[in-house]
N, C-alpha and C. Protein backbone atom coordinates (compact mmCIF):
# COMPACT_ATOMS: atom_id res chain seq x y z
N MET A 1 0.82 -1.03 0.23
CA MET A 1 -0.23 0.17 0.28
C MET A 1 0.80 1.10 0.17
N LYS A 2 0.57 2.33 -1.00
CA LYS A 2 1.37 3.75 -0.59
C LYS A 2 0.51 4.65 -0.75
N VAL A 3 1.30 5.27 0.69
CA VAL A 3 0.46 6.23 0.58
C VAL A 3 1.17 8.00 0.36
N LEU A 4 0.83 8.79 -0.39
CA LEU A 4 1.57 9.95 -1.16
C LEU A 4 0.97 11.37 -0.58
N GLY A 5 2.02 11.85 -0.08
CA GLY A 5 1.95 13.21 0.66
C GLY A 5 2.46 14.56 -0.54
N ILE A 6 1.33 15.39 -0.14
CA ILE A 6 1.94 16.00 -1.49
C ILE A 6 1.54 17.83 -0.76
N ASN A 7 2.77 18.46 -0.46
CA ASN A 7 2.82 19.61 0.33
C ASN A 7 2.88 20.97 -0.54
N GLY A 8 1.62 21.63 -0.01
CA GLY A 8 1.57 23.02 -1.45
C GLY A 8 2.20 24.27 -1.06
N SER A 9 2.54 24.16 0.38
CA SER A 9 3.17 25.02 1.19
C SER A 9 4.67 25.78 0.36
N PRO A 10 4.70 26.90 0.03
CA PRO A 10 6.42 27.37 -0.38
C PRO A 10 7.45 27.66 0.49
N ARG A 11 7.17 27.47 2.19
CA ARG A 11 7.52 27.96 3.00
C ARG A 11 8.75 26.99 3.02
N GLY A 12 8.82 25.62 2.59
CA GLY A 12 9.83 24.73 2.64
C GLY A 12 9.74 23.71 3.97
N ALA A 13 10.88 23.92 4.87
CA ALA A 13 11.22 23.16 5.90
C ALA A 13 10.21 24.05 7.53
N LYS A 14 10.08 25.46 6.94
CA LYS A 14 9.27 26.20 8.34
C LYS A 14 7.71 26.06 7.98
N SER A 15 7.76 25.02 7.17
CA SER A 15 5.89 25.02 6.89
C SER A 15 5.00 24.27 7.79
N THR A 16 4.03 25.13 8.42
CA THR A 16 3.63 24.49 9.51
C THR A 16 2.76 23.38 8.95
N THR A 17 2.34 23.57 7.44
CA THR A 17 1.43 22.72 6.35
C THR A 17 2.32 21.17 6.68
N LEU A 18 3.49 21.39 5.83
CA LEU A 18 4.50 20.36 5.91
C LEU A 18 3.80 19.68 7.16
N LYS A 19 4.38 20.06 8.33
CA LYS A 19 4.00 19.16 9.27
C LYS A 19 3.31 18.74 9.09
N LEU A 20 2.39 18.92 9.27
CA LEU A 20 0.71 18.11 9.27
C LEU A 20 0.57 16.79 8.15
N VAL A 21 1.22 17.15 7.13
CA VAL A 21 1.52 16.63 5.78
C VAL A 21 2.29 14.90 6.67
N GLU A 22 3.44 15.42 6.60
CA GLU A 22 4.11 14.74 7.75
C GLU A 22 3.44 13.63 8.62
N ALA A 23 2.52 14.66 9.55
CA ALA A 23 1.94 13.59 10.63
C ALA A 23 1.15 13.04 9.97
N VAL A 24 0.75 13.09 8.74
CA VAL A 24 -0.21 11.95 8.51
C VAL A 24 -0.02 10.64 7.83
N LEU A 25 1.63 11.08 7.09
CA LEU A 25 2.38 10.09 6.86
C LEU A 25 3.00 9.46 7.40
N ASP A 26 3.09 9.77 8.83
CA ASP A 26 3.51 9.43 9.96
C ASP A 26 2.29 8.09 10.32
N GLY A 27 1.08 8.45 10.56
CA GLY A 27 0.29 7.69 11.19
C GLY A 27 -0.31 6.29 10.35
N ALA A 28 0.56 7.26 8.72
CA ALA A 28 0.18 6.09 7.57
C ALA A 28 0.96 5.08 7.87
N GLU A 29 1.93 5.57 7.76
CA GLU A 29 3.42 4.51 7.95
C GLU A 29 3.02 3.48 8.99
N GLU A 30 2.89 4.34 9.93
CA GLU A 30 2.64 3.19 11.71
C GLU A 30 1.64 2.29 11.44
N ALA A 31 0.86 2.42 10.69
CA ALA A 31 -0.24 1.52 10.31
C ALA A 31 -0.01 0.46 9.12
N GLY A 32 0.99 0.96 8.70
CA GLY A 32 1.67 -0.26 7.81
C GLY A 32 2.12 0.00 6.21
N ALA A 33 1.89 1.11 5.91
CA ALA A 33 1.89 1.72 4.22
C ALA A 33 3.24 2.39 4.13
N GLU A 34 3.54 2.18 2.69
CA GLU A 34 4.94 2.79 2.19
C GLU A 34 4.48 4.34 2.22
N THR A 35 4.99 5.08 2.50
CA THR A 35 5.06 6.77 2.47
C THR A 35 5.80 7.26 1.62
N LYS A 36 5.45 8.37 0.94
CA LYS A 36 6.47 9.39 -0.06
C LYS A 36 5.99 10.57 0.15
N LEU A 37 6.76 11.41 -0.08
CA LEU A 37 6.24 13.08 0.03
C LEU A 37 6.97 13.91 -1.03
N ILE A 38 6.24 14.61 -1.66
CA ILE A 38 6.60 15.29 -2.85
C ILE A 38 6.22 16.87 -2.45
N ASP A 39 7.37 17.97 -2.37
CA ASP A 39 7.56 19.19 -2.40
C ASP A 39 6.76 19.86 -3.52
N LEU A 40 5.35 20.35 -3.42
CA LEU A 40 5.25 21.10 -4.81
C LEU A 40 6.05 22.43 -5.17
N CYS A 41 6.16 22.64 -3.94
CA CYS A 41 6.74 24.26 -4.77
C CYS A 41 8.39 24.15 -4.93
N SER A 42 8.98 22.92 -4.97
CA SER A 42 10.36 22.72 -5.21
C SER A 42 10.51 22.29 -6.81
N LEU A 43 8.95 22.47 -7.69
CA LEU A 43 9.01 21.75 -8.71
C LEU A 43 8.70 22.38 -9.77
N LYS A 44 8.55 22.60 -11.34
CA LYS A 44 8.06 23.36 -12.29
C LYS A 44 7.30 22.94 -13.19
N ILE A 45 5.93 23.51 -12.27
CA ILE A 45 4.82 23.07 -13.21
C ILE A 45 3.71 24.59 -13.77
N ASP A 46 4.08 23.86 -15.34
CA ASP A 46 3.41 24.98 -15.88
C ASP A 46 1.77 25.22 -15.86
N TYR A 47 1.15 26.44 -16.25
CA TYR A 47 -0.30 26.53 -16.01
C TYR A 47 -0.78 25.71 -17.28
N CYS A 48 -2.18 25.24 -17.01
CA CYS A 48 -2.65 24.61 -17.90
C CYS A 48 -3.56 25.96 -19.06
N ASP A 49 -3.13 25.84 -20.39
CA ASP A 49 -3.45 26.49 -21.21
C ASP A 49 -4.60 26.01 -22.29
N ALA A 50 -5.67 25.17 -21.26
CA ALA A 50 -6.74 24.64 -22.00
C ALA A 50 -6.30 23.89 -23.02
N CYS A 51 -5.89 23.54 -23.55
CA CYS A 51 -5.48 23.34 -25.30
C CYS A 51 -5.84 22.07 -25.91
N GLY A 52 -6.46 20.84 -24.42
CA GLY A 52 -7.37 19.89 -24.83
C GLY A 52 -6.67 18.79 -25.09
N VAL A 53 -5.15 18.66 -25.60
CA VAL A 53 -4.51 17.44 -25.93
C VAL A 53 -4.88 16.00 -24.93
N CYS A 54 -4.84 16.63 -23.49
CA CYS A 54 -4.93 15.30 -22.82
C CYS A 54 -6.40 14.91 -23.00
N TYR A 55 -7.45 15.60 -23.18
CA TYR A 55 -8.65 14.87 -24.08
C TYR A 55 -8.62 13.80 -25.45
N LYS A 56 -7.78 14.59 -25.85
CA LYS A 56 -7.64 13.55 -27.00
C LYS A 56 -6.85 12.68 -26.79
N LYS A 57 -5.42 12.70 -26.37
CA LYS A 57 -4.34 11.87 -26.45
C LYS A 57 -4.12 11.53 -24.95
N GLY A 58 -4.67 11.96 -23.93
CA GLY A 58 -4.39 11.45 -22.67
C GLY A 58 -3.05 11.86 -22.12
N ARG A 59 -2.55 12.59 -23.08
CA ARG A 59 -0.97 13.33 -22.13
C ARG A 59 -1.12 14.58 -22.27
N CYS A 60 -0.33 15.44 -21.23
CA CYS A 60 0.03 16.92 -21.67
C CYS A 60 0.90 17.36 -22.10
N VAL A 61 0.84 18.55 -23.00
CA VAL A 61 1.92 18.66 -23.86
C VAL A 61 2.78 19.88 -23.52
N HIS A 62 2.80 20.04 -22.18
CA HIS A 62 3.84 20.45 -21.32
C HIS A 62 4.79 19.40 -20.79
N GLU A 63 5.93 19.58 -21.39
CA GLU A 63 7.03 19.11 -20.81
C GLU A 63 7.57 19.47 -19.42
N ASP A 64 7.32 19.23 -18.36
CA ASP A 64 7.94 20.06 -16.97
C ASP A 64 7.50 18.63 -15.70
N ASP A 65 7.58 19.48 -14.54
CA ASP A 65 7.88 18.11 -13.45
C ASP A 65 6.10 17.32 -13.22
N PHE A 66 5.00 17.99 -14.01
CA PHE A 66 3.66 17.62 -13.33
C PHE A 66 3.72 15.96 -13.82
N GLY A 67 4.37 15.65 -14.89
CA GLY A 67 4.22 14.33 -15.12
C GLY A 67 4.48 13.46 -14.26
N THR A 68 5.79 13.78 -13.47
CA THR A 68 6.15 12.47 -12.33
C THR A 68 5.33 12.93 -11.13
N VAL A 69 4.41 14.16 -10.96
CA VAL A 69 3.68 14.18 -9.85
C VAL A 69 2.79 13.14 -10.14
N TYR A 70 2.14 13.45 -11.27
CA TYR A 70 0.50 12.54 -12.05
C TYR A 70 1.18 11.19 -11.94
N ASP A 71 2.23 10.86 -12.40
CA ASP A 71 2.12 9.50 -11.98
C ASP A 71 2.53 8.81 -10.54
N GLU A 72 3.29 9.70 -9.88
CA GLU A 72 3.09 9.60 -8.18
C GLU A 72 1.64 9.06 -8.18
N ILE A 73 0.73 9.77 -8.33
CA ILE A 73 -0.81 10.11 -7.78
C ILE A 73 -0.99 8.89 -8.44
N MET A 74 -0.85 8.46 -9.47
CA MET A 74 -1.82 7.54 -10.17
C MET A 74 -1.19 5.99 -9.39
N ALA A 75 -0.32 6.17 -8.93
CA ALA A 75 0.62 4.61 -8.53
C ALA A 75 0.13 4.54 -7.08
N SER A 76 -0.72 5.78 -6.68
CA SER A 76 -0.78 5.77 -4.89
C SER A 76 -2.18 4.92 -4.69
N ASP A 77 -2.42 4.13 -3.38
CA ASP A 77 -3.48 3.93 -3.06
C ASP A 77 -4.42 5.06 -2.29
N GLY A 78 -3.52 6.09 -1.53
CA GLY A 78 -4.10 6.93 -0.53
C GLY A 78 -3.21 8.69 -0.82
N ILE A 79 -3.75 9.32 -0.95
CA ILE A 79 -3.30 11.01 -1.32
C ILE A 79 -3.45 12.00 -0.31
N VAL A 80 -2.55 12.49 0.68
CA VAL A 80 -2.65 13.83 1.17
C VAL A 80 -2.63 14.60 0.66
N LEU A 81 -3.23 15.71 0.63
CA LEU A 81 -3.13 17.15 -0.07
C LEU A 81 -2.83 18.35 1.01
N GLY A 82 -1.88 19.05 0.97
CA GLY A 82 -1.63 19.99 2.05
C GLY A 82 -1.85 21.38 1.86
N SER A 83 -2.16 22.14 2.16
CA SER A 83 -1.98 23.66 1.72
C SER A 83 -2.43 25.06 2.65
N PRO A 84 -1.73 25.77 2.94
CA PRO A 84 -1.57 26.73 3.91
C PRO A 84 -3.24 27.88 2.91
N VAL A 85 -3.73 28.27 4.03
CA VAL A 85 -4.72 29.39 3.63
C VAL A 85 -3.78 30.53 2.95
N TYR A 86 -4.00 30.68 1.57
CA TYR A 86 -4.03 32.20 0.97
C TYR A 86 -5.37 32.67 0.33
N PHE A 87 -5.64 33.95 1.47
CA PHE A 87 -6.51 34.63 0.32
C PHE A 87 -7.99 33.48 0.27
N GLY A 88 -8.69 32.88 1.60
CA GLY A 88 -9.41 31.94 1.26
C GLY A 88 -9.55 30.62 0.81
N SER A 89 -8.13 30.61 0.02
CA SER A 89 -8.10 29.48 -1.01
C SER A 89 -6.37 28.70 -0.84
N VAL A 90 -6.27 27.56 -1.34
CA VAL A 90 -5.13 26.85 -1.74
C VAL A 90 -4.14 27.95 -2.23
N THR A 91 -3.21 27.28 -2.25
CA THR A 91 -1.96 28.40 -2.62
C THR A 91 -2.07 28.26 -4.09
N ALA A 92 -1.13 29.17 -4.74
CA ALA A 92 -1.05 29.25 -6.57
C ALA A 92 -0.34 27.15 -6.79
N GLN A 93 0.47 27.58 -6.29
CA GLN A 93 1.70 25.84 -6.99
C GLN A 93 0.61 25.38 -7.05
N MET A 94 -0.35 24.91 -5.86
CA MET A 94 -1.53 23.92 -5.27
C MET A 94 -2.58 23.63 -6.62
N LYS A 95 -3.15 25.19 -6.49
CA LYS A 95 -4.02 25.17 -7.86
C LYS A 95 -3.61 24.93 -9.15
N THR A 96 -2.58 25.23 -9.28
CA THR A 96 -1.57 25.17 -10.81
C THR A 96 -2.15 23.31 -10.93
N MET A 97 -1.45 22.80 -9.71
CA MET A 97 -1.61 21.32 -10.00
C MET A 97 -2.73 20.72 -10.33
N ILE A 98 -3.59 20.99 -9.28
CA ILE A 98 -5.35 20.60 -9.69
C ILE A 98 -5.55 21.17 -10.84
N ASP A 99 -5.22 22.07 -11.51
CA ASP A 99 -5.79 23.01 -13.03
C ASP A 99 -5.27 21.67 -13.64
N ARG A 100 -3.92 21.13 -13.89
CA ARG A 100 -3.14 20.39 -14.83
C ARG A 100 -3.84 18.74 -14.77
N MET A 101 -4.92 18.48 -13.75
CA MET A 101 -5.38 17.33 -13.54
C MET A 101 -6.82 17.33 -14.42
N SER A 102 -7.13 17.91 -15.24
CA SER A 102 -8.38 17.98 -16.51
C SER A 102 -8.99 16.33 -16.57
N ASP A 103 -7.62 16.06 -16.94
CA ASP A 103 -8.06 14.40 -17.89
C ASP A 103 -8.69 13.36 -16.44
N ALA A 104 -8.21 14.07 -15.42
CA ALA A 104 -8.59 13.02 -14.05
C ALA A 104 -9.98 13.11 -13.53
N ILE A 105 -10.27 13.93 -14.06
CA ILE A 105 -12.00 14.60 -13.65
C ILE A 105 -12.88 13.84 -14.51
N HIS A 106 -12.61 14.70 -15.79
CA HIS A 106 -13.10 14.06 -16.67
C HIS A 106 -13.34 12.44 -17.00
N CYS A 107 -12.16 11.73 -16.62
CA CYS A 107 -12.01 9.82 -17.00
C CYS A 107 -12.10 9.22 -15.27
N GLN A 108 -12.55 10.50 -14.47
CA GLN A 108 -12.57 9.61 -13.27
C GLN A 108 -11.66 8.45 -12.66
N LEU A 109 -10.21 9.24 -12.93
CA LEU A 109 -9.18 8.36 -13.44
C LEU A 109 -8.88 8.11 -11.15
N LEU A 110 -9.08 8.74 -10.37
CA LEU A 110 -8.84 8.86 -8.80
C LEU A 110 -9.99 7.41 -8.04
N LEU A 111 -11.01 6.70 -9.62
CA LEU A 111 -11.83 5.96 -8.70
C LEU A 111 -11.29 4.74 -7.45
N GLY A 112 -11.61 4.69 -6.42
CA GLY A 112 -11.30 3.82 -5.65
C GLY A 112 -10.04 3.96 -4.74
N LYS A 113 -9.37 5.06 -5.05
CA LYS A 113 -8.05 5.76 -4.58
C LYS A 113 -9.15 6.47 -2.85
N TYR A 114 -7.86 6.73 -1.90
CA TYR A 114 -8.17 7.44 -0.99
C TYR A 114 -7.82 8.66 -0.61
N THR A 115 -8.38 9.55 -0.15
CA THR A 115 -7.46 10.57 0.25
C THR A 115 -7.91 11.60 1.44
N CYS A 116 -7.01 12.78 2.04
CA CYS A 116 -7.89 13.17 3.02
C CYS A 116 -6.71 14.60 3.12
N SER A 117 -7.10 15.63 3.48
CA SER A 117 -6.52 17.19 3.38
C SER A 117 -6.16 17.68 4.52
N VAL A 118 -5.19 18.68 4.78
CA VAL A 118 -4.38 19.34 5.53
C VAL A 118 -4.22 20.58 5.04
N SER A 119 -4.40 21.74 6.35
CA SER A 119 -4.36 22.99 6.05
C SER A 119 -3.49 23.73 7.18
N THR A 120 -3.45 24.82 7.17
CA THR A 120 -3.07 25.88 8.70
C THR A 120 -3.14 26.88 8.08
N ALA A 121 -3.88 28.31 9.05
CA ALA A 121 -4.01 29.80 8.54
C ALA A 121 -3.53 30.14 9.93
N GLY A 122 -3.50 31.37 9.12
CA GLY A 122 -2.87 32.44 10.31
C GLY A 122 -4.07 32.71 11.64
N SER A 123 -5.10 32.89 11.04
CA SER A 123 -6.26 33.28 12.30
C SER A 123 -7.60 31.94 12.08
N GLN A 124 -7.92 32.19 10.76
CA GLN A 124 -9.03 31.21 10.39
C GLN A 124 -9.13 30.83 8.55
N GLY A 125 -10.20 29.91 8.68
CA GLY A 125 -10.06 29.59 7.18
C GLY A 125 -9.51 28.17 6.74
N HIS A 126 -9.23 27.67 7.94
CA HIS A 126 -8.23 26.30 7.13
C HIS A 126 -9.23 25.06 6.97
N GLN A 127 -10.48 25.35 7.54
CA GLN A 127 -11.42 24.38 7.02
C GLN A 127 -11.83 24.53 6.01
N GLU A 128 -12.03 25.68 5.10
CA GLU A 128 -12.63 26.25 4.16
C GLU A 128 -11.60 25.29 2.68
N VAL A 129 -10.20 25.41 3.44
CA VAL A 129 -9.59 25.03 2.50
C VAL A 129 -9.52 23.79 2.28
N GLU A 130 -10.02 23.00 3.60
CA GLU A 130 -9.35 21.49 3.44
C GLU A 130 -10.99 20.80 2.77
N ASP A 131 -11.94 21.26 2.87
CA ASP A 131 -13.30 21.18 2.23
C ASP A 131 -12.85 21.05 0.70
N TYR A 132 -12.35 22.10 0.13
CA TYR A 132 -11.92 22.60 -0.81
C TYR A 132 -11.38 21.72 -1.66
N ILE A 133 -10.29 21.14 -0.79
CA ILE A 133 -9.32 20.07 -1.37
C ILE A 133 -10.14 18.89 -1.33
N ASN A 134 -10.87 18.08 -0.57
CA ASN A 134 -11.60 17.36 -0.29
C ASN A 134 -12.53 17.13 -1.54
N ARG A 135 -13.45 18.06 -1.82
CA ARG A 135 -14.42 18.06 -2.81
C ARG A 135 -13.70 17.82 -4.28
N ILE A 136 -12.61 18.45 -4.45
CA ILE A 136 -12.08 18.46 -5.67
C ILE A 136 -11.42 16.86 -5.96
N MET A 137 -10.93 16.42 -5.18
CA MET A 137 -10.63 14.94 -5.10
C MET A 137 -11.48 13.95 -5.08
N VAL A 138 -12.74 13.91 -4.27
CA VAL A 138 -13.99 13.35 -4.50
C VAL A 138 -14.62 13.67 -5.82
N ALA A 139 -14.54 14.88 -6.11
CA ALA A 139 -15.18 14.97 -8.00
C ALA A 139 -13.90 14.04 -8.93
N MET A 140 -13.00 13.88 -8.79
CA MET A 140 -12.29 13.16 -9.43
C MET A 140 -12.04 11.83 -9.55
N GLY A 141 -13.01 11.32 -8.56
CA GLY A 141 -13.30 9.85 -7.94
C GLY A 141 -13.13 9.15 -6.88
N ALA A 142 -12.09 10.15 -5.86
CA ALA A 142 -11.63 9.34 -4.79
C ALA A 142 -12.57 9.68 -3.62
N ASN A 143 -11.75 8.68 -2.57
CA ASN A 143 -13.14 8.44 -1.53
C ASN A 143 -12.23 9.28 -0.21
N ALA A 144 -12.82 10.89 0.27
CA ALA A 144 -12.12 11.49 1.40
C ALA A 144 -12.37 11.10 2.45
N ALA A 145 -11.18 10.57 3.29
CA ALA A 145 -11.36 9.95 4.59
C ALA A 145 -11.65 10.81 5.43
N GLY A 146 -10.94 12.20 5.59
CA GLY A 146 -11.42 13.38 6.62
C GLY A 146 -10.28 14.71 6.32
N SER A 147 -10.22 15.53 7.24
CA SER A 147 -9.18 16.21 7.13
C SER A 147 -8.72 16.66 8.57
N ALA A 148 -7.68 17.78 8.73
CA ALA A 148 -7.00 18.24 10.02
C ALA A 148 -6.84 19.32 9.58
N GLY A 149 -6.73 20.31 10.68
CA GLY A 149 -5.93 21.77 10.46
C GLY A 149 -5.74 22.27 11.31
N ALA A 150 -5.45 23.42 11.32
CA ALA A 150 -4.89 24.45 12.54
C ALA A 150 -4.86 25.84 12.20
N ASP A 151 -5.42 26.80 13.04
CA ASP A 151 -5.79 28.47 13.27
C ASP A 151 -4.36 28.38 14.04
N MET A 152 -3.43 29.38 13.49
CA MET A 152 -2.11 29.07 14.43
C MET A 152 -2.71 30.13 15.16
N ALA A 153 -3.39 31.20 15.78
CA ALA A 153 -3.93 32.11 16.57
C ALA A 153 -4.52 31.40 17.62
N VAL A 154 -4.72 30.27 17.85
CA VAL A 154 -5.72 29.27 18.80
C VAL A 154 -4.40 28.48 19.60
N PRO A 155 -4.45 28.93 20.58
CA PRO A 155 -3.70 28.13 21.70
C PRO A 155 -3.37 26.71 21.49
N LYS A 156 -2.47 26.30 21.13
CA LYS A 156 -2.11 24.68 21.22
C LYS A 156 -3.18 23.84 19.98
N GLY A 157 -3.21 25.11 19.04
CA GLY A 157 -4.11 24.93 18.12
C GLY A 157 -3.46 23.64 17.01
N MET A 158 -1.97 24.05 17.05
CA MET A 158 -1.22 23.00 16.31
C MET A 158 -0.72 21.85 16.44
N ASP A 159 -0.54 21.72 18.23
CA ASP A 159 -0.52 20.30 18.79
C ASP A 159 -1.62 19.34 18.33
N GLU A 160 -3.15 20.14 19.02
CA GLU A 160 -4.28 18.96 18.29
C GLU A 160 -4.39 18.84 17.01
N ALA A 161 -4.14 19.80 15.87
CA ALA A 161 -4.01 19.61 14.58
C ALA A 161 -2.88 18.01 14.56
N MET A 162 -1.86 18.28 14.82
CA MET A 162 -0.68 17.36 14.45
C MET A 162 -1.10 15.88 15.50
N GLU A 163 -1.82 15.86 16.23
CA GLU A 163 -2.51 14.64 16.68
C GLU A 163 -3.62 14.24 16.18
N LYS A 164 -4.55 15.10 15.24
CA LYS A 164 -5.34 14.76 14.40
C LYS A 164 -5.23 14.02 13.49
N ALA A 165 -3.89 14.77 12.72
CA ALA A 165 -3.62 14.30 11.61
C ALA A 165 -3.28 13.14 11.46
N PHE A 166 -1.85 12.71 12.76
CA PHE A 166 -1.62 11.09 12.90
C PHE A 166 -3.02 10.23 12.87
N LYS A 167 -3.58 10.35 13.27
CA LYS A 167 -4.70 9.13 13.90
C LYS A 167 -5.13 9.83 11.79
N LEU A 168 -5.05 10.67 11.13
CA LEU A 168 -6.12 10.75 10.07
C LEU A 168 -5.49 9.66 9.10
N GLY A 169 -4.00 9.64 9.11
CA GLY A 169 -3.03 8.68 8.39
C GLY A 169 -3.62 7.31 8.70
N GLN A 170 -3.93 7.19 9.94
CA GLN A 170 -4.04 5.87 10.49
C GLN A 170 -5.61 5.24 9.71
N THR A 171 -6.17 6.45 9.63
CA THR A 171 -7.71 6.04 9.11
C THR A 171 -7.65 5.84 7.85
N LEU A 172 -6.83 6.68 6.98
CA LEU A 172 -6.49 6.87 5.68
C LEU A 172 -6.45 5.51 5.30
N VAL A 173 -5.31 4.23 5.87
CA VAL A 173 -4.60 3.28 5.60
C VAL A 173 -6.10 2.04 6.19
N ARG A 174 -6.89 2.35 7.14
CA ARG A 174 -8.07 1.67 6.92
C ARG A 174 -9.15 1.56 6.38
N ASP A 175 -9.33 2.76 5.86
CA ASP A 175 -10.40 2.82 4.80
C ASP A 175 -9.70 2.41 3.37
N ILE A 176 -8.27 2.01 3.06
CA ILE A 176 -7.71 1.55 1.95
C ILE A 176 -7.56 0.15 2.20
N GLU A 177 -7.62 -0.61 3.57
CA GLU A 177 -7.91 -2.04 3.59
C GLU A 177 -9.26 -2.41 3.45
N ASN A 178 -10.23 -1.95 4.41
CA ASN A 178 -11.64 -2.08 4.28
C ASN A 178 -12.27 -2.07 3.22
N LYS A 179 -11.99 -0.83 1.70
CA LYS A 179 -12.45 -0.39 1.22
C LYS A 179 -13.45 0.32 1.35
N THR A 180 -13.77 1.06 2.40
CA THR A 180 -14.74 2.07 2.92
C THR A 180 -15.58 2.51 2.11
N VAL A 181 -16.99 2.26 2.13
CA VAL A 181 -17.67 3.22 1.29
C VAL A 181 -18.15 4.85 1.80
N TYR A 182 -18.27 5.26 1.59
CA TYR A 182 -19.00 6.74 2.40
C TYR A 182 -20.18 6.90 1.08
N VAL A 183 -21.27 6.60 1.62
CA VAL A 183 -22.63 7.05 1.02
C VAL A 183 -22.80 8.05 0.32
N GLU A 184 -22.94 8.83 0.97
CA GLU A 184 -23.05 10.68 0.22
C GLU A 184 -21.71 10.93 -1.01
N GLN A 185 -20.71 10.06 -0.90
CA GLN A 185 -19.31 10.49 -1.61
C GLN A 185 -19.99 9.64 -2.84
N GLU A 186 -20.59 8.57 -2.54
CA GLU A 186 -20.68 7.44 -3.89
C GLU A 186 -21.91 8.31 -4.76
N GLU A 187 -22.93 9.30 -3.72
CA GLU A 187 -23.88 9.87 -5.15
C GLU A 187 -23.09 10.76 -5.95
N ILE A 188 -22.20 11.65 -5.10
CA ILE A 188 -21.48 12.17 -5.98
C ILE A 188 -20.42 12.14 -7.29
N HIS A 189 -19.97 10.61 -6.83
CA HIS A 189 -19.28 10.05 -7.54
C HIS A 189 -20.36 9.36 -9.16
N ARG A 190 -21.39 8.60 -8.80
CA ARG A 190 -22.36 9.17 -9.76
C ARG A 190 -23.05 9.92 -10.16
N MET A 191 -22.98 11.28 -9.60
CA MET A 191 -23.70 12.26 -10.47
C MET A 191 -22.42 12.83 -11.08
N MET A 192 -21.33 12.58 -10.93
CA MET A 192 -20.20 13.03 -11.41
C MET A 192 -19.73 12.16 -13.09
N ARG A 193 -20.25 10.68 -13.06
CA ARG A 193 -20.13 9.87 -14.02
C ARG A 193 -20.92 10.18 -15.24
N ASP A 194 -22.57 10.88 -14.44
CA ASP A 194 -23.57 11.28 -15.39
C ASP A 194 -23.11 12.43 -16.13
N ARG A 195 -22.76 13.18 -15.25
CA ARG A 195 -22.41 14.55 -16.08
C ARG A 195 -21.33 14.66 -16.90
N PHE A 196 -19.91 13.80 -16.47
CA PHE A 196 -19.40 13.58 -17.67
C PHE A 196 -19.51 12.69 -18.70
N GLY A 197 -20.12 12.31 -18.37
CA GLY A 197 -20.74 11.05 -19.75
C GLY A 197 -21.37 11.79 -20.77
N LYS A 198 -21.76 12.83 -20.27
CA LYS A 198 -23.09 12.99 -21.60
C LYS A 198 -21.96 14.26 -22.29
N ILE A 199 -21.15 14.67 -21.42
CA ILE A 199 -19.88 15.68 -21.98
C ILE A 199 -18.91 14.73 -23.43
N ILE A 200 -18.67 13.66 -22.54
CA ILE A 200 -17.71 12.82 -23.29
C ILE A 200 -17.98 11.97 -24.61
N GLU A 201 -19.50 11.77 -24.60
CA GLU A 201 -20.31 11.36 -25.26
C GLU A 201 -20.97 12.56 -26.44
N ALA A 202 -20.74 13.67 -25.94
CA ALA A 202 -20.85 15.13 -26.95
C ALA A 202 -19.62 15.57 -27.91
N ASN A 203 -18.56 14.93 -27.71
CA ASN A 203 -17.06 15.42 -27.87
C ASN A 203 -16.38 13.78 -28.39
N LYS A 204 -17.23 12.45 -28.41
CA LYS A 204 -16.47 11.59 -28.48
C LYS A 204 -15.62 11.63 -30.07
N ASP A 205 -16.19 12.40 -31.15
CA ASP A 205 -15.27 12.21 -32.09
C ASP A 205 -13.55 13.37 -32.38
N GLU A 206 -13.88 13.76 -31.41
CA GLU A 206 -12.56 15.02 -30.76
C GLU A 206 -11.81 14.19 -30.01
N TRP A 207 -12.78 14.02 -28.93
CA TRP A 207 -11.95 13.40 -27.42
C TRP A 207 -11.49 11.83 -27.84
N THR A 208 -10.72 11.61 -28.40
CA THR A 208 -10.74 10.16 -28.55
C THR A 208 -10.41 9.25 -27.73
N HIS A 209 -9.21 9.85 -26.68
CA HIS A 209 -8.91 8.86 -25.31
C HIS A 209 -9.89 8.84 -24.30
N GLU A 210 -10.28 10.04 -23.82
CA GLU A 210 -11.34 10.03 -23.14
C GLU A 210 -12.43 8.67 -23.59
N TYR A 211 -12.92 9.13 -24.77
CA TYR A 211 -14.03 8.03 -25.32
C TYR A 211 -13.90 6.77 -24.95
N GLU A 212 -12.16 6.61 -25.32
CA GLU A 212 -11.93 5.24 -25.52
C GLU A 212 -12.06 4.43 -23.99
N HIS A 213 -11.47 5.80 -23.10
CA HIS A 213 -11.12 5.22 -21.57
C HIS A 213 -13.21 4.82 -20.98
N TRP A 214 -13.79 5.68 -21.75
CA TRP A 214 -15.13 4.97 -21.25
C TRP A 214 -15.75 4.03 -21.55
N THR A 215 -15.63 4.10 -22.73
CA THR A 215 -15.96 2.28 -23.48
C THR A 215 -15.18 1.51 -22.68
N LYS A 216 -14.28 1.53 -22.39
CA LYS A 216 -13.65 0.25 -21.49
C LYS A 216 -13.93 0.17 -20.36
N MET A 217 -14.18 1.68 -19.97
CA MET A 217 -15.13 1.34 -18.27
C MET A 217 -16.44 0.72 -18.36
N GLY A 218 -16.81 0.44 -19.40
CA GLY A 218 -18.37 0.56 -19.68
C GLY A 218 -19.08 1.26 -19.17
N TRP A 219 -18.91 2.47 -19.23
CA TRP A 219 -19.48 4.14 -18.62
C TRP A 219 -20.62 4.41 -19.72
N LEU A 220 -20.66 3.91 -20.68
CA LEU A 220 -20.97 4.39 -22.21
C LEU A 220 -21.83 3.07 -22.71
């Protein structure tokens, strides 16, 4: 079992978000998983320019570090994404990675994988970022096991978040092992397949890669 941590904070070793990502990985490792950490901000990932080539061919035209990150995501059973709060949302680096995953949401490529999120805020807002990350990952087909976060202005907030993050890593592993079903998320998965099925069908002559994938999965 492989659990991947992706940290979207640009603060390097000083990042409190990084500490929470590592705590999740520590919990997952204690529960028996193999873990790996990616520092997103040390990589070169270009912006998505909406060219649509990934829909047609299943690959991106940009030759940068995204391909390596994407391959690691696809090879993982569990993924934890971490971002501090930047003006009510994730960092630009995290958003850039997410925007490059258009093919993943169209083809529901995270189906069967499990995910969780962590975030830190100077004063407030971490829950909104955690919810955003989990919502995006569920939309791509993954199952969200929960989140952990801290408002740094709250006394002992980080200590409590670290403990919660460690336990979250253990929960992530148990969910993977037990193939845990979250009923409300299954309904979202159904809705996403219905939504994108219509889009893929409408563009089948142009989006040949995605149409072939959907046909192979038996969704069309």
